[in-house]
Protein backbone atom coordinates (compact mmCIF):
# COMPACT_ATOMS: atom_id res chain seq x y z
CA MET A 1 27.35 214.00 246.35
CA ALA A 2 24.87 217.08 245.07
CA GLN A 3 21.19 217.40 244.55
CA ILE A 4 18.95 218.52 241.38
CA GLY A 5 16.28 220.44 242.29
CA LEU A 6 14.17 221.08 239.21
CA SER A 7 11.30 223.95 239.62
CA GLY A 8 8.16 225.07 237.63
CA ILE A 9 10.31 223.47 234.54
CA ARG A 10 8.09 223.46 230.94
CA LYS A 11 9.46 222.96 227.66
CA ALA A 12 7.17 222.72 224.26
CA TYR A 13 7.43 222.24 221.02
CA GLY A 14 5.55 224.38 219.17
CA ARG A 15 2.29 223.55 220.52
CA GLU A 16 3.11 220.91 222.04
CA VAL A 17 3.72 220.68 225.20
CA VAL A 18 6.05 217.83 226.40
CA VAL A 19 6.85 218.72 230.26
CA HIS A 20 4.37 220.55 232.28
CA ASP A 21 5.59 223.00 234.70
CA LEU A 22 7.67 219.63 236.64
CA ASP A 23 8.93 220.25 239.74
CA LEU A 24 11.37 217.69 241.94
CA THR A 25 14.22 217.37 244.22
CA ILE A 26 16.51 214.30 243.43
CA ARG A 27 18.54 214.04 247.03
CA PRO A 28 22.12 213.87 247.19
CA GLY A 29 23.70 209.85 246.18
CA GLU A 30 19.97 208.79 245.37
CA PHE A 31 18.90 206.77 242.65
CA LEU A 32 16.17 208.41 240.75
CA THR A 33 14.44 206.63 237.79
CA ILE A 34 12.43 208.59 235.35
CA LEU A 35 9.90 206.10 233.83
CA GLY A 36 7.41 206.39 231.04
CA PRO A 37 6.45 205.84 227.74
CA SER A 38 7.94 207.04 224.36
CA GLY A 39 7.14 210.39 224.10
CA CYS A 40 5.87 211.20 227.69
CA GLY A 41 8.96 213.68 228.70
CA LYS A 42 11.25 211.69 230.61
CA THR A 43 14.19 212.26 227.61
CA THR A 44 13.46 216.00 227.56
CA THR A 45 13.50 216.24 231.26
CA LEU A 46 17.26 214.71 231.44
CA ARG A 47 18.67 217.00 228.55
CA ALA A 48 17.71 219.87 230.40
CA ILE A 49 18.92 218.72 233.47
CA ALA A 50 22.43 218.61 231.35
CA GLY A 51 22.16 221.60 229.06
CA LEU A 52 21.42 219.61 226.65
CA GLU A 53 17.89 220.87 225.60
CA GLU A 54 17.07 224.77 226.82
CA PRO A 55 13.59 224.81 228.35
CA ASP A 56 10.94 227.48 228.06
CA ASP A 57 10.28 228.52 231.78
CA GLY A 58 11.28 226.75 235.44
CA ASP A 59 15.27 227.11 237.14
CA ILE A 60 17.40 224.02 237.63
CA HIS A 61 20.17 224.05 240.00
CA LEU A 62 22.84 221.61 240.58
CA GLY A 63 24.16 221.54 243.97
CA GLU A 64 24.16 225.10 244.99
CA LYS A 65 24.86 225.93 241.46
CA LEU A 66 21.89 227.87 239.53
CA VAL A 67 22.52 226.57 235.63
CA PHE A 68 19.27 227.50 233.98
CA SER A 69 16.32 230.58 234.87
CA ARG A 70 14.97 231.75 231.66
CA ARG A 71 13.74 234.25 233.51
CA ARG A 72 16.81 234.99 234.91
CA GLY A 73 18.86 234.40 231.84
CA VAL A 74 20.95 232.06 233.28
CA ILE A 75 22.15 229.09 230.90
CA VAL A 76 25.35 227.51 231.77
CA PRO A 77 26.16 225.47 228.95
CA PRO A 78 26.88 221.11 229.58
CA GLU A 79 30.27 221.11 229.54
CA LYS A 80 30.66 223.17 232.80
CA ARG A 81 27.66 221.42 234.64
CA GLY A 82 29.73 218.63 235.00
CA VAL A 83 27.36 216.05 234.76
CA GLY A 84 28.31 212.97 233.36
CA LEU A 85 26.12 210.91 230.82
CA ILE A 86 25.35 207.79 229.10
CA PHE A 87 23.43 207.26 226.22
CA GLN A 88 21.73 204.12 224.12
CA SER A 89 24.20 205.05 221.30
CA TYR A 90 27.18 204.50 223.74
CA ALA A 91 28.70 208.07 221.94
CA LEU A 92 32.18 205.89 221.09
CA TRP A 93 34.35 207.69 218.84
CA PRO A 94 35.10 205.23 215.99
CA HIS A 95 38.56 206.16 215.73
CA MET A 96 39.84 205.93 218.83
CA THR A 97 40.55 203.15 220.60
CA VAL A 98 38.89 201.97 223.77
CA GLN A 99 42.05 203.82 225.72
CA ARG A 100 41.64 207.16 223.90
CA ASN A 101 37.61 206.82 224.39
CA VAL A 102 38.29 206.95 227.89
CA SER A 103 41.21 209.45 228.58
CA LEU A 104 40.33 211.91 225.48
CA ALA A 105 37.49 213.59 228.58
CA LEU A 106 40.26 213.57 230.68
CA GLU A 107 42.62 215.16 228.53
CA GLU A 108 40.14 217.74 228.01
CA LYS A 109 39.93 218.28 232.18
CA GLY A 110 43.79 219.54 231.69
CA LEU A 111 44.38 216.45 233.85
CA GLY A 112 48.46 215.71 234.26
CA ARG A 113 49.01 212.85 231.90
CA ALA A 114 50.14 210.50 235.19
CA GLU A 115 46.34 210.73 236.76
CA ILE A 116 44.95 210.42 233.10
CA GLU A 117 46.29 207.11 232.31
CA ALA A 118 45.69 206.19 236.05
CA ARG A 119 42.55 206.94 236.03
CA ALA A 120 41.98 205.38 232.64
CA THR A 121 43.82 202.11 233.69
CA GLN A 122 41.12 201.69 237.12
CA ALA A 123 38.10 202.22 234.89
CA LEU A 124 39.24 200.10 231.95
CA GLU A 125 39.62 197.33 235.29
CA THR A 126 36.71 198.21 237.16
CA VAL A 127 34.48 197.56 233.92
CA GLN A 128 36.78 194.14 232.70
CA MET A 129 37.52 195.83 229.55
CA THR A 130 41.73 196.56 230.75
CA ALA A 131 42.74 193.70 227.46
CA LEU A 132 40.76 195.59 224.74
CA GLY A 133 42.43 199.03 225.44
CA ALA A 134 44.12 198.62 222.37
CA ARG A 135 40.69 198.00 220.23
CA TYR A 136 38.59 200.28 218.50
CA PRO A 137 34.61 200.20 218.91
CA SER A 138 33.93 198.40 215.41
CA GLU A 139 35.86 195.87 217.05
CA LEU A 140 33.51 195.13 220.50
CA SER A 141 30.48 193.96 220.84
CA GLY A 142 27.15 196.06 221.83
CA GLY A 143 27.85 194.64 225.19
CA GLN A 144 31.33 195.97 225.12
CA GLN A 145 31.04 199.00 223.87
CA GLN A 146 28.52 200.38 226.93
CA ARG A 147 31.01 198.93 228.94
CA VAL A 148 33.00 201.37 227.87
CA ALA A 149 30.68 204.22 227.65
CA VAL A 150 30.76 203.04 231.75
CA ALA A 151 34.28 202.75 232.04
CA ARG A 152 34.70 206.83 230.80
CA MET A 153 32.20 208.27 233.44
CA ILE A 154 33.88 205.75 235.56
CA ALA A 155 36.87 207.55 234.87
CA LEU A 156 35.33 211.68 235.24
CA ARG A 157 34.50 210.71 238.46
CA PRO A 158 30.94 212.96 238.65
CA GLN A 159 29.01 214.04 241.14
CA ILE A 160 25.72 213.34 238.87
CA LEU A 161 25.52 210.73 236.83
CA LEU A 162 22.82 210.65 233.93
CA MET A 163 21.93 207.46 231.99
CA ASP A 164 19.06 208.01 228.85
CA GLU A 165 18.08 204.44 228.41
CA PRO A 166 21.64 203.06 228.21
CA LEU A 167 20.70 198.92 228.21
CA SER A 168 18.08 199.47 225.11
CA ASN A 169 20.55 198.46 222.45
CA LEU A 170 21.14 194.84 224.63
CA ASP A 171 20.33 191.68 224.48
CA ALA A 172 18.39 190.51 227.51
CA LYS A 173 21.18 188.25 229.15
CA LEU A 174 23.76 191.58 229.27
CA ARG A 175 20.67 193.92 229.71
CA LEU A 176 21.00 192.16 233.13
CA ASP A 177 24.54 191.81 233.94
CA MET A 178 24.90 195.87 232.92
CA ARG A 179 22.26 196.61 235.15
CA ALA A 180 24.06 194.74 238.49
CA GLU A 181 26.99 196.96 237.17
CA LEU A 182 25.22 200.03 236.72
CA LEU A 183 24.08 199.89 240.45
CA GLN A 184 27.73 199.68 241.97
CA LEU A 185 29.05 202.53 239.44
CA HIS A 186 26.66 204.34 241.39
CA ARG A 187 27.30 203.41 244.56
CA ASP A 188 31.13 203.07 244.05
CA LEU A 189 30.87 206.90 242.89
CA GLY A 190 28.58 208.00 245.48
CA SER A 191 27.06 210.12 242.51
CA THR A 192 23.43 211.20 242.11
CA THR A 193 22.08 209.27 239.50
CA VAL A 194 19.37 209.79 237.13
CA TYR A 195 18.42 207.15 235.34
CA VAL A 196 15.48 207.27 232.27
CA THR A 197 13.24 204.24 231.23
CA HIS A 198 11.02 202.34 229.31
CA ASP A 199 11.37 199.45 231.17
CA GLN A 200 9.72 199.05 234.29
CA ALA A 201 11.83 195.99 235.78
CA GLU A 202 14.94 197.98 235.37
CA ALA A 203 12.93 201.11 237.25
CA LEU A 204 11.91 198.54 240.01
CA THR A 205 15.09 196.74 239.98
CA LEU A 206 17.63 199.76 240.08
CA SER A 207 15.49 202.95 242.26
CA ASP A 208 15.43 204.31 245.02
CA ARG A 209 12.59 206.35 243.75
CA ILE A 210 10.70 206.03 241.14
CA VAL A 211 8.87 209.09 238.60
CA VAL A 212 6.39 207.27 236.75
CA MET A 213 5.43 210.43 234.11
CA ASP A 214 3.45 210.20 230.78
CA ARG A 215 2.42 213.33 228.86
CA GLY A 216 4.57 215.46 230.12
CA ARG A 217 3.21 215.34 233.93
CA VAL A 218 4.08 213.21 236.69
CA MET A 219 2.11 210.51 237.51
CA GLN A 220 3.67 209.01 240.82
CA GLU A 221 6.82 209.55 242.46
CA ALA A 222 7.76 207.02 245.08
CA SER A 223 9.63 203.76 246.13
CA PRO A 224 9.83 201.13 243.81
CA TYR A 225 7.59 199.35 246.52
CA GLU A 226 4.79 202.30 246.91
CA VAL A 227 4.37 202.29 243.19
CA TYR A 228 4.30 198.74 242.49
CA HIS A 229 1.58 198.03 245.21
CA HIS A 230 0.43 201.01 246.03
CA PRO A 231 -0.27 203.10 241.97
CA ARG A 232 -2.26 206.24 242.41
CA SER A 233 -3.79 205.30 238.96
CA LEU A 234 -5.33 202.91 236.74
CA GLN A 235 -2.45 204.32 234.10
CA VAL A 236 0.30 203.83 236.93
CA ALA A 237 -1.31 200.30 237.88
CA GLU A 238 -1.54 199.15 234.37
CA PHE A 239 2.06 200.35 232.94
CA ILE A 240 3.69 198.53 236.11
CA GLY A 241 4.13 195.02 236.23
CA GLU A 242 4.98 191.86 234.52
CA PRO A 243 2.57 189.71 233.62
CA ARG A 244 0.11 192.81 233.83
CA ILE A 245 -2.20 193.93 237.10
CA ASN A 246 -5.75 192.03 236.56
CA LEU A 247 -7.98 195.06 236.29
CA VAL A 248 -12.21 193.45 237.60
CA PRO A 249 -14.89 196.30 237.05
CA GLY A 250 -17.79 195.80 239.00
CA THR A 251 -20.27 196.65 241.27
CA LEU A 252 -19.69 196.55 245.76
CA ALA A 253 -22.19 195.03 247.43
CA ARG A 254 -22.22 194.05 250.91
CA GLU A 255 -22.94 189.79 251.59
CA ALA A 256 -23.37 188.81 255.09
CA GLY A 257 -22.12 191.72 256.67
CA THR A 258 -18.60 191.85 253.93
CA LEU A 259 -18.75 193.59 251.37
CA TYR A 260 -17.23 192.67 248.09
CA LEU A 261 -16.66 193.77 244.82
CA VAL A 262 -19.42 191.89 242.13
CA GLY A 263 -18.10 191.69 238.92
CA ASP A 264 -19.38 189.33 235.94
CA GLY A 265 -18.80 185.58 237.22
CA VAL A 266 -15.85 186.88 240.31
CA ARG A 267 -16.27 188.24 244.04
CA LEU A 268 -13.50 189.84 245.23
CA PRO A 269 -13.21 191.58 248.92
CA ALA A 270 -13.91 194.73 249.15
CA GLU A 271 -13.00 195.80 252.79
CA ARG A 272 -10.61 198.37 251.72
CA ALA A 273 -12.82 200.41 248.99
CA ARG A 274 -13.44 204.41 250.35
CA ALA A 275 -16.85 204.11 248.65
CA ALA A 276 -20.44 202.71 249.58
CA LYS A 277 -22.30 199.69 248.58
CA GLY A 278 -23.67 200.53 244.44
CA GLU A 279 -21.22 202.59 243.35
CA ARG A 280 -18.96 201.16 240.52
CA LEU A 281 -15.62 200.53 241.16
CA VAL A 282 -12.46 198.86 239.55
CA ALA A 283 -10.56 196.04 241.37
CA ALA A 284 -6.76 196.03 240.67
CA VAL A 285 -5.44 192.89 241.64
CA ARG A 286 -1.59 191.51 241.01
CA PRO A 287 -1.31 187.74 239.46
CA GLU A 288 0.99 186.99 241.89
CA ASN A 289 -1.51 187.90 245.03
CA ILE A 290 -4.21 185.19 244.17
CA GLU A 291 -4.06 182.07 245.58
CA LEU A 292 -4.65 178.87 243.61
CA SER A 293 -6.00 175.96 244.64
CA THR A 294 -6.34 172.02 242.09
CA VAL A 295 -9.46 170.56 245.19
CA PRO A 296 -12.27 173.21 246.46
CA VAL A 297 -11.29 175.23 248.96
CA ALA A 298 -13.49 176.94 251.24
CA GLY A 299 -14.86 180.43 250.04
CA TRP A 300 -12.91 180.09 247.27
CA GLN A 301 -13.86 180.96 243.67
CA GLU A 302 -14.25 177.88 240.70
CA VAL A 303 -13.12 179.03 237.11
CA ARG A 304 -11.81 177.39 234.16
CA LEU A 305 -7.73 176.69 233.30
CA ASP A 306 -7.86 178.46 229.44
CA ASN A 307 -4.10 178.33 229.03
CA VAL A 308 -0.62 177.55 230.52
CA GLN A 309 2.67 179.79 229.68
CA PRO A 310 5.54 178.18 231.04
CA THR A 311 8.31 180.79 230.85
CA GLY A 312 11.25 178.73 233.16
CA ALA A 313 11.25 179.86 236.40
CA THR A 314 7.56 180.95 236.23
CA THR A 315 4.48 180.11 234.72
CA ILE A 316 1.74 182.09 234.09
CA LEU A 317 -1.67 180.49 233.81
CA GLN A 318 -5.12 182.20 232.02
CA VAL A 319 -8.78 181.78 233.72
CA CYS A 320 -11.88 182.32 233.48
CA ALA A 321 -14.93 182.79 235.21
CA GLY A 322 -17.69 183.97 233.45
CA ALA A 323 -16.44 186.60 231.51
CA THR A 324 -13.48 188.07 233.32
CA ARG A 325 -10.36 186.73 232.60
CA LEU A 326 -7.21 186.69 234.80
CA ARG A 327 -4.09 185.89 234.89
CA LEU A 328 -1.89 183.96 237.79
CA VAL A 329 1.34 183.32 238.31
CA ARG A 330 3.07 180.45 239.85
CA PRO A 331 6.49 179.57 240.84
CA GLY A 332 8.01 176.47 238.80
CA PHE A 333 7.31 175.36 235.06
CA LEU A 334 4.15 173.74 235.77
CA ARG A 335 3.09 170.73 233.62
CA ILE A 336 -0.58 171.23 233.96
CA GLU A 337 -3.33 170.84 231.23
CA ALA A 338 -5.77 173.44 229.92
CA GLY A 339 -9.10 173.09 229.98
CA ILE A 340 -9.93 171.68 233.75
CA PRO A 341 -11.13 173.56 237.15
CA LEU A 342 -9.50 175.80 239.65
CA TRP A 343 -10.14 177.41 242.64
CA ILE A 344 -8.73 180.85 243.30
CA GLY A 345 -9.09 182.88 246.78
CA PHE A 346 -8.24 186.55 247.00
CA ASP A 347 -6.29 188.54 249.24
CA ALA A 348 -7.69 191.23 250.87
CA ASP A 349 -5.30 193.64 251.80
CA SER A 350 -3.42 192.92 248.10
CA ILE A 351 -6.59 194.53 246.26
CA GLU A 352 -6.44 198.11 244.98
CA PHE A 353 -9.44 199.86 243.78
CA PHE A 354 -9.68 202.86 241.90
CA ASP A 355 -13.01 205.26 240.36
CA PRO A 356 -13.39 204.44 236.75
CA ASP A 357 -14.36 207.96 235.74
CA THR A 358 -10.98 210.30 237.95
CA GLN A 359 -8.38 206.85 237.37
CA GLY A 360 -7.52 207.51 240.96
CA ASN A 361 -6.78 205.08 243.67
CA VAL A 362 -9.68 204.89 245.90
CA SER A 363 -7.78 202.03 248.65
CA ALA A 364 -8.05 202.86 252.07
CA PRO A 365 -4.12 202.51 253.50
């Protein structure tokens, strides 16, 4: 297993800086996901690790080896960095069979014929593609082509595995299946894995650690649990989670000895807010952390049910309190009519508070 170290990585195209002085250490055997919207710099960062992009400044270490340093004049080419790549486009040779696509890279490494055949066969068995070894990529479905790309990586047995949105071309069911297979690949190889995606569900389910990027800068670097439950900024809070997090702007006020954030038609417990009464903040609460009752509960607030969206395993409810609209999520396929009154309560420990000017999290631990 190899550690990946990036220090002071900067990349610009003309006047547009796409990666700003990035420092990042990826631990040996770690599965790290770089998450962010299109144009945030995540793919450029991955390509710099692979050697497909040359940064304008900074150093890159793969294990103990310095593979890039602009100031020292070190630029190790991609084929000598010992990394495995899986792309969104699969990158299969259309005129070669499945078996040949898997074995070609092994031939280029100069391995013997017996070892090449053994590795290729084992890799295809792992992704359940042995029976299709004689087919060409055009004769395969998108999911099968991605399995061939995965088999190619398994056969190479790289210490470092780089994946650039490998599942974005697949349908929803195949994405779920392939997530599990990619995670198993990471474990089987014992590789250090860097995974790039804009899909926050993939990041949350696959990662040991998530790096959230936007406009070339790291917005947060933490475990999936921390990124989801304790986002560092409003931007991260809004980007992570489906359905989206509820944001309630309001003013801090103390009533009967308890601190609340008072919004337009709604009031939330705010003892975790590190601010003084009278200050304006934005409260953020996940849809699943709002409690719900069809009958009055002491201390809870009455709201009106605006619409119901069953998704099968869960139901999304949208309620209205004054001018404030809130999303709730409940397990199961709920059959409930819009327009009826409901009562909601808040788990004070699950509410995060943000400064509307700096966008930073101002919640107590």
